[in-house]
């Protein structure tokens, strides 16, 4: 599995783009910080096209699936984010949407689950 960096492209299930920012700055791949535990949570989502008169678009990520993180490698106690990263969004009043990785932001460094 590939390690995610701050250049990773995460999309909601409707195609909206999740804004990524690394919480740590000192471990990098190609000068770009790697993402760690909880980086995908609470991020804004831009350009989600799923807007109807009764349903707002996805605006934020709300949850992160446990399979998103390495069980073996951590930076300062925070597990690395992997290209299996996925979770929920705040889409709709009664339901949640999903987001996942479209591009990990690098294609060199791998890590076991």
PDB file of N, CA and C in Angstrom:
ATOM      1  N   UNK A   1       0.840  -1.170   0.000  1.00  0.00           N
ATOM      2  CA  UNK A   1       0.000   0.000   0.000  1.00  0.00           C
ATOM      3  C   UNK A   1       0.895   1.247   0.000  1.00  0.00           C
ATOM      4  N   UNK A   2       0.485   2.244  -0.742  1.00  0.00           N
ATOM      5  CA  UNK A   2       1.251   3.481  -0.833  1.00  0.00           C
ATOM      6  C   UNK A   2       0.920   4.415   0.327  1.00  0.00           C
ATOM      7  N   UNK A   3       1.922   5.157   0.777  1.00  0.00           N
ATOM      8  CA  UNK A   3       1.757   6.150   1.835  1.00  0.00           C
ATOM      9  C   UNK A   3       1.202   7.428   1.204  1.00  0.00           C
ATOM     10  N   UNK A   4       0.246   8.077   1.871  1.00  0.00           N
ATOM     11  CA  UNK A   4      -0.323   9.332   1.355  1.00  0.00           C
ATOM     12  C   UNK A   4       0.539  10.518   1.739  1.00  0.00           C
ATOM     13  N   UNK A   5       0.594  11.496   0.841  1.00  0.00           N
ATOM     14  CA  UNK A   5       1.268  12.766   1.133  1.00  0.00           C
ATOM     15  C   UNK A   5       0.251  13.902   1.037  1.00  0.00           C
ATOM     16  N   UNK A   6       0.703  15.095   1.346  1.00  0.00           N
ATOM     17  CA  UNK A   6      -0.146  16.277   1.257  1.00  0.00           C
ATOM     18  C   UNK A   6      -0.625  16.570  -0.152  1.00  0.00           C
ATOM     19  N   UNK A   7      -0.041  15.911  -1.158  1.00  0.00           N
ATOM     20  CA  UNK A   7      -0.487  16.063  -2.544  1.00  0.00           C
ATOM     21  C   UNK A   7      -1.529  15.021  -2.933  1.00  0.00           C
ATOM     22  N   UNK A   8      -1.951  14.198  -1.989  1.00  0.00           N
ATOM     23  CA  UNK A   8      -2.941  13.161  -2.286  1.00  0.00           C
ATOM     24  C   UNK A   8      -4.243  13.789  -2.770  1.00  0.00           C
ATOM     25  N   UNK A   9      -4.921  13.079  -3.653  1.00  0.00           N
ATOM     26  CA  UNK A   9      -6.221  13.508  -4.145  1.00  0.00           C
ATOM     27  C   UNK A   9      -7.262  12.568  -3.570  1.00  0.00           C
ATOM     28  N   UNK A  10      -8.105  13.101  -2.705  1.00  0.00           N
ATOM     29  CA  UNK A  10      -9.225  12.354  -2.137  1.00  0.00           C
ATOM     30  C   UNK A  10     -10.498  12.978  -2.667  1.00  0.00           C
ATOM     31  N   UNK A  11     -11.450  12.144  -3.049  1.00  0.00           N
ATOM     32  CA  UNK A  11     -12.705  12.618  -3.628  1.00  0.00           C
ATOM     33  C   UNK A  11     -13.891  12.048  -2.866  1.00  0.00           C
ATOM     34  N   UNK A  12     -14.943  12.860  -2.729  1.00  0.00           N
ATOM     35  CA  UNK A  12     -16.187  12.310  -2.196  1.00  0.00           C
ATOM     36  C   UNK A  12     -16.784  11.418  -3.284  1.00  0.00           C
ATOM     37  N   UNK A  13     -17.757  10.615  -2.934  1.00  0.00           N
ATOM     38  CA  UNK A  13     -18.335   9.668  -3.892  1.00  0.00           C
ATOM     39  C   UNK A  13     -19.019  10.356  -5.069  1.00  0.00           C
ATOM     40  N   UNK A  14     -19.235  11.665  -4.966  1.00  0.00           N
ATOM     41  CA  UNK A  14     -19.858  12.431  -6.047  1.00  0.00           C
ATOM     42  C   UNK A  14     -18.830  13.171  -6.905  1.00  0.00           C
ATOM     43  N   UNK A  15     -17.560  13.146  -6.493  1.00  0.00           N
ATOM     44  CA  UNK A  15     -16.498  13.798  -7.254  1.00  0.00           C
ATOM     45  C   UNK A  15     -15.973  15.083  -6.652  1.00  0.00           C
ATOM     46  N   UNK A  16     -16.472  15.495  -5.491  1.00  0.00           N
ATOM     47  CA  UNK A  16     -15.949  16.681  -4.813  1.00  0.00           C
ATOM     48  C   UNK A  16     -14.546  16.433  -4.279  1.00  0.00           C
ATOM     49  N   UNK A  17     -13.712  17.463  -4.244  1.00  0.00           N
ATOM     50  CA  UNK A  17     -12.306  17.337  -3.856  1.00  0.00           C
ATOM     51  C   UNK A  17     -12.110  17.662  -2.379  1.00  0.00           C
ATOM     52  N   UNK A  18     -11.481  16.734  -1.664  1.00  0.00           N
ATOM     53  CA  UNK A  18     -11.173  16.916  -0.250  1.00  0.00           C
ATOM     54  C   UNK A  18      -9.871  17.700  -0.127  1.00  0.00           C
ATOM     55  N   UNK A  19      -9.888  18.795   0.616  1.00  0.00           N
ATOM     56  CA  UNK A  19      -8.686  19.611   0.837  1.00  0.00           C
ATOM     57  C   UNK A  19      -7.808  18.917   1.872  1.00  0.00           C
ATOM     58  N   UNK A  20      -6.580  18.596   1.497  1.00  0.00           N
ATOM     59  CA  UNK A  20      -5.681  17.895   2.414  1.00  0.00           C
ATOM     60  C   UNK A  20      -4.606  18.833   2.946  1.00  0.00           C
ATOM     61  N   UNK A  21      -4.270  18.639   4.223  1.00  0.00           N
ATOM     62  CA  UNK A  21      -3.171  19.362   4.860  1.00  0.00           C
ATOM     63  C   UNK A  21      -2.586  18.441   5.909  1.00  0.00           C
ATOM     64  N   UNK A  22      -1.276  18.301   5.871  1.00  0.00           N
ATOM     65  CA  UNK A  22      -0.589  17.425   6.832  1.00  0.00           C
ATOM     66  C   UNK A  22      -0.497  18.104   8.192  1.00  0.00           C
ATOM     67  N   UNK A  23      -0.743  17.332   9.249  1.00  0.00           N
ATOM     68  CA  UNK A  23      -0.626  17.849  10.612  1.00  0.00           C
ATOM     69  C   UNK A  23       0.819  17.855  11.084  1.00  0.00           C
ATOM     70  N   UNK A  24       1.670  17.105  10.417  1.00  0.00           N
ATOM     71  CA  UNK A  24       3.078  17.083  10.780  1.00  0.00           C
ATOM     72  C   UNK A  24       3.875  17.537   9.556  1.00  0.00           C
ATOM     73  N   UNK A  25       5.040  18.103   9.795  1.00  0.00           N
ATOM     74  CA  UNK A  25       5.851  18.664   8.711  1.00  0.00           C
ATOM     75  C   UNK A  25       7.236  18.039   8.592  1.00  0.00           C
ATOM     76  N   UNK A  26       7.648  17.219   9.543  1.00  0.00           N
ATOM     77  CA  UNK A  26       9.051  16.817   9.543  1.00  0.00           C
ATOM     78  C   UNK A  26       9.356  15.527   8.818  1.00  0.00           C
ATOM     79  N   UNK A  27       8.396  14.677   8.493  1.00  0.00           N
ATOM     80  CA  UNK A  27       8.641  13.498   7.671  1.00  0.00           C
ATOM     81  C   UNK A  27       7.998  13.755   6.315  1.00  0.00           C
ATOM     82  N   UNK A  28       8.837  13.654   5.270  1.00  0.00           N
ATOM     83  CA  UNK A  28       8.396  14.022   3.924  1.00  0.00           C
ATOM     84  C   UNK A  28       8.809  12.986   2.898  1.00  0.00           C
ATOM     85  N   UNK A  29       8.081  12.968   1.806  1.00  0.00           N
ATOM     86  CA  UNK A  29       8.448  12.188   0.628  1.00  0.00           C
ATOM     87  C   UNK A  29       8.530  13.197  -0.506  1.00  0.00           C
ATOM     88  N   UNK A  30       9.717  13.352  -1.082  1.00  0.00           N
ATOM     89  CA  UNK A  30       9.884  14.323  -2.165  1.00  0.00           C
ATOM     90  C   UNK A  30       9.515  15.730  -1.739  1.00  0.00           C
ATOM     91  N   UNK A  31       9.897  16.140  -0.550  1.00  0.00           N
ATOM     92  CA  UNK A  31       9.666  17.480   0.013  1.00  0.00           C
ATOM     93  C   UNK A  31       8.206  17.747   0.395  1.00  0.00           C
ATOM     94  N   UNK A  32       7.348  16.734   0.312  1.00  0.00           N
ATOM     95  CA  UNK A  32       5.929  16.895   0.665  1.00  0.00           C
ATOM     96  C   UNK A  32       5.656  16.091   1.940  1.00  0.00           C
ATOM     97  N   UNK A  33       5.062  16.705   2.969  1.00  0.00           N
ATOM     98  CA  UNK A  33       4.785  15.986   4.212  1.00  0.00           C
ATOM     99  C   UNK A  33       3.860  14.792   3.995  1.00  0.00           C
ATOM    100  N   UNK A  34       4.131  13.700   4.722  1.00  0.00           N
ATOM    101  CA  UNK A  34       3.237  12.547   4.672  1.00  0.00           C
ATOM    102  C   UNK A  34       2.039  12.801   5.589  1.00  0.00           C
ATOM    103  N   UNK A  35       0.931  12.159   5.281  1.00  0.00           N
ATOM    104  CA  UNK A  35      -0.281  12.300   6.078  1.00  0.00           C
ATOM    105  C   UNK A  35      -0.302  11.240   7.180  1.00  0.00           C
ATOM    106  N   UNK A  36      -0.820  11.619   8.319  1.00  0.00           N
ATOM    107  CA  UNK A  36      -0.872  10.730   9.472  1.00  0.00           C
ATOM    108  C   UNK A  36      -2.282  10.673  10.047  1.00  0.00           C
ATOM    109  N   UNK A  37      -2.424   9.809  11.043  1.00  0.00           N
ATOM    110  CA  UNK A  37      -3.679   9.566  11.739  1.00  0.00           C
ATOM    111  C   UNK A  37      -4.470  10.850  11.995  1.00  0.00           C
ATOM    112  N   UNK A  38      -5.672  10.833  11.516  1.00  0.00           N
ATOM    113  CA  UNK A  38      -6.678  11.883  11.644  1.00  0.00           C
ATOM    114  C   UNK A  38      -6.521  13.048  10.668  1.00  0.00           C
ATOM    115  N   UNK A  39      -5.490  13.042   9.801  1.00  0.00           N
ATOM    116  CA  UNK A  39      -5.385  14.103   8.797  1.00  0.00           C
ATOM    117  C   UNK A  39      -6.623  14.191   7.902  1.00  0.00           C
ATOM    118  N   UNK A  40      -7.233  13.073   7.491  1.00  0.00           N
ATOM    119  CA  UNK A  40      -8.402  13.191   6.611  1.00  0.00           C
ATOM    120  C   UNK A  40      -9.689  13.660   7.304  1.00  0.00           C
ATOM    121  N   UNK A  41      -9.748  13.665   8.621  1.00  0.00           N
ATOM    122  CA  UNK A  41     -10.980  14.021   9.343  1.00  0.00           C
ATOM    123  C   UNK A  41     -11.152  15.540   9.416  1.00  0.00           C
ATOM    124  N   UNK A  42     -12.384  16.012   9.201  1.00  0.00           N
ATOM    125  CA  UNK A  42     -12.700  17.423   9.352  1.00  0.00           C
ATOM    126  C   UNK A  42     -12.193  18.320   8.242  1.00  0.00           C
ATOM    127  N   UNK A  43     -11.899  17.750   7.086  1.00  0.00           N
ATOM    128  CA  UNK A  43     -11.400  18.540   5.953  1.00  0.00           C
ATOM    129  C   UNK A  43     -12.557  19.026   5.084  1.00  0.00           C
ATOM    130  N   UNK A  44     -12.367  20.170   4.471  1.00  0.00           N
ATOM    131  CA  UNK A  44     -13.405  20.711   3.606  1.00  0.00           C
ATOM    132  C   UNK A  44     -13.440  19.963   2.272  1.00  0.00           C
ATOM    133  N   UNK A  45     -14.610  19.964   1.672  1.00  0.00           N
ATOM    134  CA  UNK A  45     -14.797  19.339   0.368  1.00  0.00           C
ATOM    135  C   UNK A  45     -15.294  20.418  -0.583  1.00  0.00           C
ATOM    136  N   UNK A  46     -14.601  20.591  -1.693  1.00  0.00           N
ATOM    137  CA  UNK A  46     -14.968  21.610  -2.682  1.00  0.00           C
ATOM    138  C   UNK A  46     -15.576  20.956  -3.915  1.00  0.00           C
ATOM    139  N   UNK A  47     -16.498  21.641  -4.509  1.00  0.00           N
ATOM    140  CA  UNK A  47     -17.077  21.284  -5.806  1.00  0.00           C
ATOM    141  C   UNK A  47     -17.838  19.968  -5.820  1.00  0.00           C
ATOM    142  N   UNK A  48     -18.439  19.582  -4.717  1.00  0.00           N
ATOM    143  CA  UNK A  48     -19.309  18.399  -4.738  1.00  0.00           C
ATOM    144  C   UNK A  48     -20.543  18.762  -5.566  1.00  0.00           C
ATOM    145  N   UNK A  49     -20.811  18.027  -6.621  1.00  0.00           N
ATOM    146  CA  UNK A  49     -21.928  18.378  -7.493  1.00  0.00           C
ATOM    147  C   UNK A  49     -23.300  17.916  -6.991  1.00  0.00           C
ATOM    148  N   UNK A  50     -23.344  17.194  -5.878  1.00  0.00           N
ATOM    149  CA  UNK A  50     -24.603  16.619  -5.405  1.00  0.00           C
ATOM    150  C   UNK A  50     -25.419  17.645  -4.618  1.00  0.00           C
ATOM    151  N   UNK A  51     -25.889  18.650  -5.315  1.00  0.00           N
ATOM    152  CA  UNK A  51     -26.687  19.711  -4.713  1.00  0.00           C
ATOM    153  C   UNK A  51     -28.084  19.663  -5.318  1.00  0.00           C
ATOM    154  N   UNK A  52     -29.076  19.498  -4.456  1.00  0.00           N
ATOM    155  CA  UNK A  52     -30.469  19.512  -4.908  1.00  0.00           C
ATOM    156  C   UNK A  52     -31.218  20.522  -4.045  1.00  0.00           C
ATOM    157  N   UNK A  53     -32.439  20.838  -4.369  1.00  0.00           N
ATOM    158  CA  UNK A  53     -33.201  21.775  -3.531  1.00  0.00           C
ATOM    159  C   UNK A  53     -33.377  21.293  -2.085  1.00  0.00           C
ATOM    160  N   UNK A  54     -33.312  19.989  -1.862  1.00  0.00           N
ATOM    161  CA  UNK A  54     -33.507  19.463  -0.503  1.00  0.00           C
ATOM    162  C   UNK A  54     -32.244  18.860   0.117  1.00  0.00           C
ATOM    163  N   UNK A  55     -31.194  18.694  -0.659  1.00  0.00           N
ATOM    164  CA  UNK A  55     -29.981  18.057  -0.165  1.00  0.00           C
ATOM    165  C   UNK A  55     -28.761  18.929  -0.432  1.00  0.00           C
ATOM    166  N   UNK A  56     -28.009  19.293   0.603  1.00  0.00           N
ATOM    167  CA  UNK A  56     -26.784  20.063   0.385  1.00  0.00           C
ATOM    168  C   UNK A  56     -25.677  19.153  -0.142  1.00  0.00           C
ATOM    169  N   UNK A  57     -24.635  19.720  -0.725  1.00  0.00           N
ATOM    170  CA  UNK A  57     -23.507  18.913  -1.189  1.00  0.00           C
ATOM    171  C   UNK A  57     -22.650  18.456  -0.002  1.00  0.00           C
ATOM    172  N   UNK A  58     -21.725  17.552  -0.264  1.00  0.00           N
ATOM    173  CA  UNK A  58     -20.731  17.185   0.755  1.00  0.00           C
ATOM    174  C   UNK A  58     -19.896  18.431   1.033  1.00  0.00           C
ATOM    175  N   UNK A  59     -19.714  18.770   2.297  1.00  0.00           N
ATOM    176  CA  UNK A  59     -18.927  19.958   2.660  1.00  0.00           C
ATOM    177  C   UNK A  59     -17.696  19.629   3.492  1.00  0.00           C
ATOM    178  N   UNK A  60     -17.765  18.529   4.273  1.00  0.00           N
ATOM    179  CA  UNK A  60     -16.645  18.152   5.148  1.00  0.00           C
ATOM    180  C   UNK A  60     -16.555  16.639   5.281  1.00  0.00           C
ATOM    181  N   UNK A  61     -15.357  16.170   5.540  1.00  0.00           N
ATOM    182  CA  UNK A  61     -15.195  14.772   5.921  1.00  0.00           C
ATOM    183  C   UNK A  61     -15.510  14.675   7.409  1.00  0.00           C
ATOM    184  N   UNK A  62     -16.151  13.594   7.810  1.00  0.00           N
ATOM    185  CA  UNK A  62     -16.541  13.465   9.215  1.00  0.00           C
ATOM    186  C   UNK A  62     -15.910  12.265   9.909  1.00  0.00           C
ATOM    187  N   UNK A  63     -15.627  11.227   9.180  1.00  0.00           N
ATOM    188  CA  UNK A  63     -15.068  10.028   9.784  1.00  0.00           C
ATOM    189  C   UNK A  63     -13.974   9.441   8.929  1.00  0.00           C
ATOM    190  N   UNK A  64     -13.163   8.584   9.544  1.00  0.00           N
ATOM    191  CA  UNK A  64     -12.086   7.899   8.836  1.00  0.00           C
ATOM    192  C   UNK A  64     -12.163   6.420   9.208  1.00  0.00           C
ATOM    193  N   UNK A  65     -12.207   5.554   8.208  1.00  0.00           N
ATOM    194  CA  UNK A  65     -12.222   4.117   8.457  1.00  0.00           C
ATOM    195  C   UNK A  65     -10.887   3.680   9.048  1.00  0.00           C
ATOM    196  N   UNK A  66     -10.911   2.685   9.921  1.00  0.00           N
ATOM    197  CA  UNK A  66      -9.687   2.204  10.555  1.00  0.00           C
ATOM    198  C   UNK A  66      -8.709   1.606   9.550  1.00  0.00           C
ATOM    199  N   UNK A  67      -9.202   1.069   8.441  1.00  0.00           N
ATOM    200  CA  UNK A  67      -8.312   0.486   7.429  1.00  0.00           C
ATOM    201  C   UNK A  67      -7.482   1.549   6.699  1.00  0.00           C
ATOM    202  N   UNK A  68      -7.713   2.800   7.019  1.00  0.00           N
ATOM    203  CA  UNK A  68      -6.996   3.904   6.395  1.00  0.00           C
ATOM    204  C   UNK A  68      -5.557   4.026   6.882  1.00  0.00           C
ATOM    205  N   UNK A  69      -5.250   3.435   8.005  1.00  0.00           N
ATOM    206  CA  UNK A  69      -3.963   3.659   8.668  1.00  0.00           C
ATOM    207  C   UNK A  69      -3.107   2.402   8.755  1.00  0.00           C
ATOM    208  N   UNK A  70      -1.793   2.608   8.754  1.00  0.00           N
ATOM    209  CA  UNK A  70      -0.858   1.514   8.984  1.00  0.00           C
ATOM    210  C   UNK A  70      -0.957   1.070  10.435  1.00  0.00           C
ATOM    211  N   UNK A  71      -0.921  -0.218  10.643  1.00  0.00           N
ATOM    212  CA  UNK A  71      -0.926  -0.744  12.009  1.00  0.00           C
ATOM    213  C   UNK A  71       0.497  -0.883  12.545  1.00  0.00           C
ATOM    214  N   UNK A  72       1.500  -0.671  11.683  1.00  0.00           N
ATOM    215  CA  UNK A  72       2.886  -0.909  12.052  1.00  0.00           C
ATOM    216  C   UNK A  72       3.773   0.329  12.107  1.00  0.00           C
ATOM    217  N   UNK A  73       3.447   1.366  11.321  1.00  0.00           N
ATOM    218  CA  UNK A  73       4.324   2.536  11.219  1.00  0.00           C
ATOM    219  C   UNK A  73       3.590   3.785  11.684  1.00  0.00           C
ATOM    220  N   UNK A  74       4.242   4.521  12.584  1.00  0.00           N
ATOM    221  CA  UNK A  74       3.666   5.761  13.106  1.00  0.00           C
ATOM    222  C   UNK A  74       4.745   6.834  13.170  1.00  0.00           C
ATOM    223  N   UNK A  75       4.327   8.076  13.122  1.00  0.00           N
ATOM    224  CA  UNK A  75       5.207   9.233  13.289  1.00  0.00           C
ATOM    225  C   UNK A  75       4.714   9.977  14.508  1.00  0.00           C
ATOM    226  N   UNK A  76       5.550  10.076  15.496  1.00  0.00           N
ATOM    227  CA  UNK A  76       5.196  10.756  16.742  1.00  0.00           C
ATOM    228  C   UNK A  76       3.871  10.236  17.315  1.00  0.00           C
ATOM    229  N   UNK A  77       3.697   8.922  17.239  1.00  0.00           N
ATOM    230  CA  UNK A  77       2.497   8.300  17.786  1.00  0.00           C
ATOM    231  C   UNK A  77       1.284   8.303  16.885  1.00  0.00           C
ATOM    232  N   UNK A  78       1.391   8.892  15.697  1.00  0.00           N
ATOM    233  CA  UNK A  78       0.265   8.939  14.751  1.00  0.00           C
ATOM    234  C   UNK A  78       0.551   7.999  13.584  1.00  0.00           C
ATOM    235  N   UNK A  79      -0.390   7.095  13.306  1.00  0.00           N
ATOM    236  CA  UNK A  79      -0.215   6.109  12.250  1.00  0.00           C
ATOM    237  C   UNK A  79      -0.212   6.763  10.866  1.00  0.00           C
ATOM    238  N   UNK A  80       0.563   6.183   9.935  1.00  0.00           N
ATOM    239  CA  UNK A  80       0.612   6.683   8.567  1.00  0.00           C
ATOM    240  C   UNK A  80      -0.708   6.427   7.848  1.00  0.00           C
ATOM    241  N   UNK A  81      -1.125   7.373   7.009  1.00  0.00           N
ATOM    242  CA  UNK A  81      -2.282   7.179   6.140  1.00  0.00           C
ATOM    243  C   UNK A  81      -1.837   6.417   4.895  1.00  0.00           C
ATOM    244  N   UNK A  82      -2.647   5.460   4.486  1.00  0.00           N
ATOM    245  CA  UNK A  82      -2.347   4.629   3.329  1.00  0.00           C
ATOM    246  C   UNK A  82      -3.341   4.900   2.207  1.00  0.00           C
ATOM    247  N   UNK A  83      -3.038   4.332   1.026  1.00  0.00           N
ATOM    248  CA  UNK A  83      -3.937   4.560  -0.110  1.00  0.00           C
ATOM    249  C   UNK A  83      -5.266   3.821   0.017  1.00  0.00           C
ATOM    250  N   UNK A  84      -5.476   3.130   1.126  1.00  0.00           N
ATOM    251  CA  UNK A  84      -6.772   2.521   1.438  1.00  0.00           C
ATOM    252  C   UNK A  84      -7.668   3.485   2.222  1.00  0.00           C
ATOM    253  N   UNK A  85      -7.190   4.714   2.420  1.00  0.00           N
ATOM    254  CA  UNK A  85      -7.941   5.697   3.202  1.00  0.00           C
ATOM    255  C   UNK A  85      -9.327   5.938   2.612  1.00  0.00           C
ATOM    256  N   UNK A  86     -10.308   5.908   3.485  1.00  0.00           N
ATOM    257  CA  UNK A  86     -11.710   6.154   3.110  1.00  0.00           C
ATOM    258  C   UNK A  86     -12.461   6.553   4.371  1.00  0.00           C
ATOM    259  N   UNK A  87     -13.620   7.153   4.182  1.00  0.00           N
ATOM    260  CA  UNK A  87     -14.421   7.536   5.335  1.00  0.00           C
ATOM    261  C   UNK A  87     -15.733   8.161   4.917  1.00  0.00           C
ATOM    262  N   UNK A  88     -16.348   8.855   5.856  1.00  0.00           N
ATOM    263  CA  UNK A  88     -17.670   9.426   5.625  1.00  0.00           C
ATOM    264  C   UNK A  88     -17.613  10.945   5.468  1.00  0.00           C
ATOM    265  N   UNK A  89     -18.666  11.476   4.843  1.00  0.00           N
ATOM    266  CA  UNK A  89     -18.812  12.922   4.677  1.00  0.00           C
ATOM    267  C   UNK A  89     -20.125  13.357   5.317  1.00  0.00           C
ATOM    268  N   UNK A  90     -20.351  14.655   5.354  1.00  0.00           N
ATOM    269  CA  UNK A  90     -21.572  15.207   5.942  1.00  0.00           C
ATOM    270  C   UNK A  90     -22.708  15.377   4.928  1.00  0.00           C
ATOM    271  N   UNK A  91     -22.677  14.620   3.841  1.00  0.00           N
ATOM    272  CA  UNK A  91     -23.694  14.756   2.803  1.00  0.00           C
ATOM    273  C   UNK A  91     -25.081  14.407   3.331  1.00  0.00           C
ATOM    274  N   UNK A  92     -26.053  15.229   3.049  1.00  0.00           N
ATOM    275  CA  UNK A  92     -27.469  15.027   3.364  1.00  0.00           C
ATOM    276  C   UNK A  92     -27.753  15.113   4.858  1.00  0.00           C
ATOM    277  N   UNK A  93     -28.973  15.404   5.178  1.00  0.00           N
ATOM    278  CA  UNK A  93     -29.376  15.528   6.575  1.00  0.00           C
ATOM    279  C   UNK A  93     -29.502  14.171   7.261  1.00  0.00           C
ATOM    280  N   UNK A  94     -29.949  13.142   6.552  1.00  0.00           N
ATOM    281  CA  UNK A  94     -30.197  11.860   7.177  1.00  0.00           C
ATOM    282  C   UNK A  94     -29.217  10.764   6.803  1.00  0.00           C
ATOM    283  N   UNK A  95     -28.328  11.044   5.875  1.00  0.00           N
ATOM    284  CA  UNK A  95     -27.397  10.020   5.413  1.00  0.00           C
ATOM    285  C   UNK A  95     -26.002  10.622   5.312  1.00  0.00           C
ATOM    286  N   UNK A  96     -25.039   9.760   5.171  1.00  0.00           N
ATOM    287  CA  UNK A  96     -23.670  10.235   4.973  1.00  0.00           C
ATOM    288  C   UNK A  96     -23.178   9.770   3.621  1.00  0.00           C
ATOM    289  N   UNK A  97     -22.276  10.520   3.076  1.00  0.00           N
ATOM    290  CA  UNK A  97     -21.616  10.130   1.841  1.00  0.00           C
ATOM    291  C   UNK A  97     -20.294   9.470   2.179  1.00  0.00           C
ATOM    292  N   UNK A  98     -19.532   9.144   1.176  1.00  0.00           N
ATOM    293  CA  UNK A  98     -18.237   8.507   1.359  1.00  0.00           C
ATOM    294  C   UNK A  98     -17.174   9.283   0.597  1.00  0.00           C
ATOM    295  N   UNK A  99     -15.932   9.131   1.030  1.00  0.00           N
ATOM    296  CA  UNK A  99     -14.795   9.650   0.280  1.00  0.00           C
ATOM    297  C   UNK A  99     -13.721   8.581   0.254  1.00  0.00           C
ATOM    298  N   UNK A 100     -12.817   8.670  -0.717  1.00  0.00           N
ATOM    299  CA  UNK A 100     -11.721   7.717  -0.825  1.00  0.00           C
ATOM    300  C   UNK A 100     -10.585   8.335  -1.629  1.00  0.00           C
ATOM    301  N   UNK A 101      -9.492   7.614  -1.728  1.00  0.00           N
ATOM    302  CA  UNK A 101      -8.285   8.089  -2.407  1.00  0.00           C
ATOM    303  C   UNK A 101      -8.406   7.864  -3.909  1.00  0.00           C
ATOM    304  N   UNK A 102      -8.162   8.912  -4.683  1.00  0.00           N
ATOM    305  CA  UNK A 102      -8.066   8.797  -6.132  1.00  0.00           C
ATOM    306  C   UNK A 102      -6.597   8.701  -6.544  1.00  0.00           C
ATOM    307  N   UNK A 103      -5.734   9.475  -5.867  1.00  0.00           N
ATOM    308  CA  UNK A 103      -4.283   9.459  -6.107  1.00  0.00           C
ATOM    309  C   UNK A 103      -3.580   9.652  -4.769  1.00  0.00           C
ATOM    310  N   UNK A 104      -2.569   8.847  -4.464  1.00  0.00           N
ATOM    311  CA  UNK A 104      -1.913   8.937  -3.162  1.00  0.00           C
ATOM    312  C   UNK A 104      -0.949  10.106  -2.999  1.00  0.00           C
ATOM    313  N   UNK A 105      -0.601  10.792  -4.074  1.00  0.00           N
ATOM    314  CA  UNK A 105       0.302  11.930  -3.976  1.00  0.00           C
ATOM    315  C   UNK A 105       1.761  11.560  -4.171  1.00  0.00           C
ATOM    316  N   UNK A 106       2.060  10.269  -4.271  1.00  0.00           N
ATOM    317  CA  UNK A 106       3.395   9.776  -4.564  1.00  0.00           C
ATOM    318  C   UNK A 106       3.251   8.307  -4.954  1.00  0.00           C
ATOM    319  N   UNK A 107       4.261   7.771  -5.657  1.00  0.00           N
ATOM    320  CA  UNK A 107       4.166   6.370  -6.070  1.00  0.00           C
ATOM    321  C   UNK A 107       5.438   5.591  -5.805  1.00  0.00           C
ATOM    322  N   UNK A 108       6.160   5.988  -4.740  1.00  0.00           N
ATOM    323  CA  UNK A 108       7.442   5.352  -4.441  1.00  0.00           C
ATOM    324  C   UNK A 108       7.422   4.582  -3.118  1.00  0.00           C
ATOM    325  N   UNK A 109       6.949   5.219  -2.056  1.00  0.00           N
ATOM    326  CA  UNK A 109       7.038   4.650  -0.717  1.00  0.00           C
ATOM    327  C   UNK A 109       5.791   3.849  -0.375  1.00  0.00           C
ATOM    328  N   UNK A 110       6.016   2.581  -0.015  1.00  0.00           N
ATOM    329  CA  UNK A 110       4.925   1.701   0.387  1.00  0.00           C
ATOM    330  C   UNK A 110       5.058   1.369   1.862  1.00  0.00           C
ATOM    331  N   UNK A 111       3.975   0.866   2.425  1.00  0.00           N
ATOM    332  CA  UNK A 111       3.951   0.515   3.835  1.00  0.00           C
ATOM    333  C   UNK A 111       2.940  -0.604   4.017  1.00  0.00           C
ATOM    334  N   UNK A 112       3.244  -1.546   4.898  1.00  0.00           N
ATOM    335  CA  UNK A 112       2.298  -2.617   5.190  1.00  0.00           C
ATOM    336  C   UNK A 112       1.103  -2.088   5.965  1.00  0.00           C
ATOM    337  N   UNK A 113       0.016  -2.817   5.845  1.00  0.00           N
ATOM    338  CA  UNK A 113      -1.193  -2.431   6.558  1.00  0.00           C
ATOM    339  C   UNK A 113      -0.935  -2.500   8.031  1.00  0.00           C
TER     340      UNK A 113
END
